[in-house]
Amino acid sequence: MTSLPDSEIRKSLSKMNGWKLKNQSIQKTFTFKTYMDSIDFINQLAIYAEEANHHPDMIVGWCNIHISFTSHDHGGVTSACIGMAKNTDKC
């Protein structure tokens, strides 16, 4: 698997809600009604990530979670990152 060109990443992200390309990663912040809702989201995402063996960087805030996907092995965004972002939107 290789990292995707920016043009292909942007094309994929244009079909997705709220994801941005920044610093060789795709990123989105999710907002929740309660802190525990955000923790439930993280737990569900962790299951998907473990099954796919592709894990996001996560920053936990009060009622929001910032998610970032990149492939450290391939130096940028891969098709697996795009797939995980789509799965993240389903959590």
N, C-alpha and C. Protein backbone atom coordinates (compact mmCIF):
# COMPACT_ATOMS: atom_id res chain seq x y z
N MET A 1 0.86 -1.17 0.00
CA MET A 1 0.00 0.00 0.00
C MET A 1 0.90 1.24 0.00
N THR A 2 0.54 2.22 -0.79
CA THR A 2 1.32 3.46 -0.85
C THR A 2 0.42 4.64 -0.49
N SER A 3 1.06 5.75 -0.14
CA SER A 3 0.28 6.95 0.15
C SER A 3 -0.33 7.47 -1.15
N LEU A 4 -1.49 8.09 -1.01
CA LEU A 4 -2.23 8.61 -2.16
C LEU A 4 -1.79 10.03 -2.49
N PRO A 5 -1.90 10.42 -3.76
CA PRO A 5 -1.63 11.82 -4.11
C PRO A 5 -2.71 12.73 -3.52
N ASP A 6 -2.34 13.96 -3.20
CA ASP A 6 -3.28 14.92 -2.60
C ASP A 6 -4.56 15.05 -3.42
N SER A 7 -4.45 15.04 -4.74
CA SER A 7 -5.63 15.20 -5.58
C SER A 7 -6.63 14.07 -5.37
N GLU A 8 -6.15 12.86 -5.21
CA GLU A 8 -7.04 11.72 -4.97
C GLU A 8 -7.65 11.78 -3.57
N ILE A 9 -6.85 12.21 -2.61
CA ILE A 9 -7.37 12.36 -1.23
C ILE A 9 -8.47 13.40 -1.21
N ARG A 10 -8.23 14.55 -1.81
CA ARG A 10 -9.22 15.63 -1.82
C ARG A 10 -10.50 15.20 -2.54
N LYS A 11 -10.37 14.42 -3.60
CA LYS A 11 -11.54 13.92 -4.32
C LYS A 11 -12.38 13.03 -3.40
N SER A 12 -11.72 12.13 -2.67
CA SER A 12 -12.43 11.26 -1.73
C SER A 12 -13.09 12.07 -0.62
N LEU A 13 -12.35 13.03 -0.08
CA LEU A 13 -12.87 13.83 1.04
C LEU A 13 -14.04 14.72 0.61
N SER A 14 -14.08 15.10 -0.66
CA SER A 14 -15.19 15.94 -1.13
C SER A 14 -16.53 15.21 -1.04
N LYS A 15 -16.49 13.89 -0.94
CA LYS A 15 -17.70 13.08 -0.84
C LYS A 15 -18.02 12.72 0.62
N MET A 16 -17.20 13.25 1.54
CA MET A 16 -17.36 12.94 2.95
C MET A 16 -17.59 14.24 3.71
N ASN A 17 -18.26 14.14 4.83
CA ASN A 17 -18.66 15.33 5.59
C ASN A 17 -17.63 15.69 6.66
N GLY A 18 -16.97 16.84 6.48
CA GLY A 18 -16.15 17.41 7.55
C GLY A 18 -14.70 16.99 7.62
N TRP A 19 -14.26 16.06 6.79
CA TRP A 19 -12.87 15.62 6.83
C TRP A 19 -12.00 16.59 6.06
N LYS A 20 -10.81 16.88 6.59
CA LYS A 20 -9.86 17.81 5.98
C LYS A 20 -8.50 17.14 5.84
N LEU A 21 -7.78 17.51 4.82
CA LEU A 21 -6.40 17.07 4.63
C LEU A 21 -5.48 18.11 5.26
N LYS A 22 -4.64 17.66 6.18
CA LYS A 22 -3.72 18.58 6.86
C LYS A 22 -2.51 17.80 7.34
N ASN A 23 -1.31 18.31 7.04
CA ASN A 23 -0.07 17.71 7.53
C ASN A 23 0.03 16.21 7.23
N GLN A 24 -0.24 15.84 6.00
CA GLN A 24 -0.16 14.45 5.54
C GLN A 24 -1.06 13.51 6.33
N SER A 25 -2.21 14.04 6.78
CA SER A 25 -3.20 13.21 7.47
C SER A 25 -4.59 13.75 7.13
N ILE A 26 -5.60 12.92 7.38
CA ILE A 26 -6.98 13.40 7.26
C ILE A 26 -7.53 13.52 8.68
N GLN A 27 -8.25 14.63 8.91
CA GLN A 27 -8.64 14.98 10.27
C GLN A 27 -10.09 15.45 10.33
N LYS A 28 -10.71 15.18 11.47
CA LYS A 28 -12.07 15.66 11.72
C LYS A 28 -12.29 15.72 13.23
N THR A 29 -13.06 16.70 13.66
CA THR A 29 -13.44 16.81 15.07
C THR A 29 -14.92 16.46 15.20
N PHE A 30 -15.22 15.55 16.10
CA PHE A 30 -16.58 15.11 16.38
C PHE A 30 -17.03 15.74 17.70
N THR A 31 -18.26 16.21 17.75
CA THR A 31 -18.80 16.86 18.94
C THR A 31 -19.97 16.03 19.47
N PHE A 32 -20.06 15.93 20.80
CA PHE A 32 -21.06 15.09 21.45
C PHE A 32 -21.82 15.88 22.52
N LYS A 33 -22.99 15.37 22.91
CA LYS A 33 -23.80 16.04 23.93
C LYS A 33 -23.18 15.91 25.32
N THR A 34 -22.58 14.74 25.57
CA THR A 34 -21.97 14.53 26.89
C THR A 34 -20.57 13.95 26.73
N TYR A 35 -19.78 14.09 27.76
CA TYR A 35 -18.43 13.54 27.77
C TYR A 35 -18.48 12.03 27.59
N MET A 36 -19.41 11.36 28.27
CA MET A 36 -19.48 9.90 28.18
C MET A 36 -19.90 9.45 26.78
N ASP A 37 -20.69 10.25 26.07
CA ASP A 37 -21.00 9.93 24.67
C ASP A 37 -19.71 9.91 23.84
N SER A 38 -18.82 10.85 24.12
CA SER A 38 -17.56 10.89 23.38
C SER A 38 -16.69 9.67 23.71
N ILE A 39 -16.72 9.23 24.95
CA ILE A 39 -15.95 8.05 25.35
C ILE A 39 -16.53 6.80 24.71
N ASP A 40 -17.86 6.71 24.63
CA ASP A 40 -18.50 5.58 23.93
C ASP A 40 -18.06 5.55 22.46
N PHE A 41 -17.99 6.71 21.84
CA PHE A 41 -17.53 6.83 20.45
C PHE A 41 -16.11 6.28 20.31
N ILE A 42 -15.23 6.69 21.20
CA ILE A 42 -13.84 6.21 21.16
C ILE A 42 -13.79 4.69 21.29
N ASN A 43 -14.57 4.14 22.20
CA ASN A 43 -14.56 2.70 22.39
C ASN A 43 -15.04 1.96 21.14
N GLN A 44 -16.06 2.49 20.49
CA GLN A 44 -16.55 1.86 19.27
C GLN A 44 -15.51 1.98 18.15
N LEU A 45 -14.91 3.15 18.02
CA LEU A 45 -13.88 3.35 17.00
C LEU A 45 -12.68 2.45 17.26
N ALA A 46 -12.34 2.24 18.50
CA ALA A 46 -11.20 1.38 18.84
C ALA A 46 -11.42 -0.05 18.35
N ILE A 47 -12.66 -0.52 18.41
CA ILE A 47 -12.97 -1.86 17.91
C ILE A 47 -12.73 -1.93 16.40
N TYR A 48 -13.26 -0.95 15.65
CA TYR A 48 -13.03 -0.90 14.20
C TYR A 48 -11.54 -0.83 13.89
N ALA A 49 -10.83 0.03 14.61
CA ALA A 49 -9.40 0.24 14.35
C ALA A 49 -8.60 -1.03 14.60
N GLU A 50 -8.94 -1.72 15.65
CA GLU A 50 -8.22 -2.95 15.97
C GLU A 50 -8.50 -4.02 14.93
N GLU A 51 -9.75 -4.14 14.49
CA GLU A 51 -10.10 -5.12 13.45
C GLU A 51 -9.37 -4.82 12.15
N ALA A 52 -9.23 -3.54 11.81
CA ALA A 52 -8.58 -3.14 10.56
C ALA A 52 -7.07 -3.01 10.71
N ASN A 53 -6.58 -3.07 11.94
CA ASN A 53 -5.17 -2.83 12.25
C ASN A 53 -4.70 -1.50 11.66
N HIS A 54 -5.55 -0.49 11.84
CA HIS A 54 -5.22 0.87 11.38
C HIS A 54 -5.79 1.83 12.41
N HIS A 55 -4.93 2.41 13.21
CA HIS A 55 -5.34 3.13 14.41
C HIS A 55 -5.19 4.64 14.26
N PRO A 56 -6.19 5.39 14.67
CA PRO A 56 -6.11 6.85 14.57
C PRO A 56 -5.36 7.46 15.74
N ASP A 57 -4.90 8.68 15.53
CA ASP A 57 -4.48 9.52 16.64
C ASP A 57 -5.75 10.21 17.12
N MET A 58 -5.96 10.28 18.43
CA MET A 58 -7.17 10.88 18.98
C MET A 58 -6.80 11.87 20.08
N ILE A 59 -7.44 13.01 20.03
CA ILE A 59 -7.30 14.00 21.10
C ILE A 59 -8.67 14.14 21.75
N VAL A 60 -8.72 13.87 23.04
CA VAL A 60 -9.97 13.89 23.79
C VAL A 60 -10.12 15.25 24.46
N GLY A 61 -11.25 15.89 24.22
CA GLY A 61 -11.60 17.13 24.88
C GLY A 61 -12.94 16.97 25.57
N TRP A 62 -13.43 18.05 26.13
CA TRP A 62 -14.73 18.00 26.77
C TRP A 62 -15.81 17.97 25.68
N CYS A 63 -16.45 16.83 25.52
CA CYS A 63 -17.53 16.60 24.55
C CYS A 63 -17.08 16.71 23.10
N ASN A 64 -15.78 16.60 22.84
CA ASN A 64 -15.32 16.52 21.46
C ASN A 64 -14.08 15.64 21.37
N ILE A 65 -13.96 15.01 20.21
CA ILE A 65 -12.83 14.13 19.92
C ILE A 65 -12.27 14.54 18.57
N HIS A 66 -10.98 14.80 18.52
CA HIS A 66 -10.31 15.13 17.27
C HIS A 66 -9.63 13.85 16.79
N ILE A 67 -9.97 13.43 15.56
CA ILE A 67 -9.45 12.19 14.98
C ILE A 67 -8.53 12.54 13.82
N SER A 68 -7.43 11.81 13.72
CA SER A 68 -6.48 12.00 12.63
C SER A 68 -6.01 10.63 12.14
N PHE A 69 -6.10 10.42 10.83
CA PHE A 69 -5.61 9.18 10.22
C PHE A 69 -4.46 9.50 9.28
N THR A 70 -3.40 8.73 9.40
CA THR A 70 -2.28 8.74 8.47
C THR A 70 -1.62 7.38 8.57
N SER A 71 -0.83 7.04 7.60
CA SER A 71 -0.05 5.82 7.67
C SER A 71 1.39 6.20 7.98
N HIS A 72 1.81 5.92 9.19
CA HIS A 72 3.18 6.24 9.57
C HIS A 72 4.16 5.39 8.76
N ASP A 73 3.75 4.18 8.41
CA ASP A 73 4.61 3.29 7.62
C ASP A 73 4.81 3.80 6.19
N HIS A 74 3.79 4.47 5.64
CA HIS A 74 3.84 4.89 4.23
C HIS A 74 3.97 6.40 4.06
N GLY A 75 4.06 7.11 5.15
CA GLY A 75 4.34 8.55 5.08
C GLY A 75 3.23 9.41 4.54
N GLY A 76 2.00 9.04 4.78
CA GLY A 76 0.88 9.87 4.33
C GLY A 76 -0.43 9.11 4.36
N VAL A 77 -1.41 9.65 3.68
CA VAL A 77 -2.76 9.09 3.67
C VAL A 77 -2.83 7.97 2.63
N THR A 78 -3.38 6.83 3.04
CA THR A 78 -3.56 5.68 2.16
C THR A 78 -5.05 5.40 1.98
N SER A 79 -5.35 4.44 1.14
CA SER A 79 -6.75 4.04 0.97
C SER A 79 -7.32 3.49 2.28
N ALA A 80 -6.48 2.87 3.10
CA ALA A 80 -6.93 2.39 4.41
C ALA A 80 -7.35 3.54 5.31
N CYS A 81 -6.66 4.67 5.21
CA CYS A 81 -7.04 5.86 6.00
C CYS A 81 -8.42 6.35 5.57
N ILE A 82 -8.65 6.40 4.27
CA ILE A 82 -9.95 6.84 3.75
C ILE A 82 -11.04 5.88 4.22
N GLY A 83 -10.78 4.59 4.14
CA GLY A 83 -11.75 3.60 4.60
C GLY A 83 -12.05 3.72 6.07
N MET A 84 -11.02 3.96 6.88
CA MET A 84 -11.25 4.12 8.31
C MET A 84 -12.03 5.40 8.61
N ALA A 85 -11.77 6.46 7.86
CA ALA A 85 -12.53 7.69 8.06
C ALA A 85 -14.01 7.45 7.77
N LYS A 86 -14.30 6.70 6.72
CA LYS A 86 -15.70 6.37 6.40
C LYS A 86 -16.33 5.55 7.52
N ASN A 87 -15.60 4.58 8.07
CA ASN A 87 -16.11 3.79 9.19
C ASN A 87 -16.28 4.63 10.43
N THR A 88 -15.40 5.58 10.64
CA THR A 88 -15.49 6.47 11.80
C THR A 88 -16.79 7.27 11.74
N ASP A 89 -17.18 7.71 10.56
CA ASP A 89 -18.43 8.45 10.42
C ASP A 89 -19.65 7.61 10.78
N LYS A 90 -19.52 6.30 10.77
CA LYS A 90 -20.62 5.39 11.10
C LYS A 90 -20.73 5.09 12.59
N CYS A 91 -19.70 5.46 13.37
CA CYS A 91 -19.70 5.18 14.82
C CYS A 91 -20.79 5.96 15.53
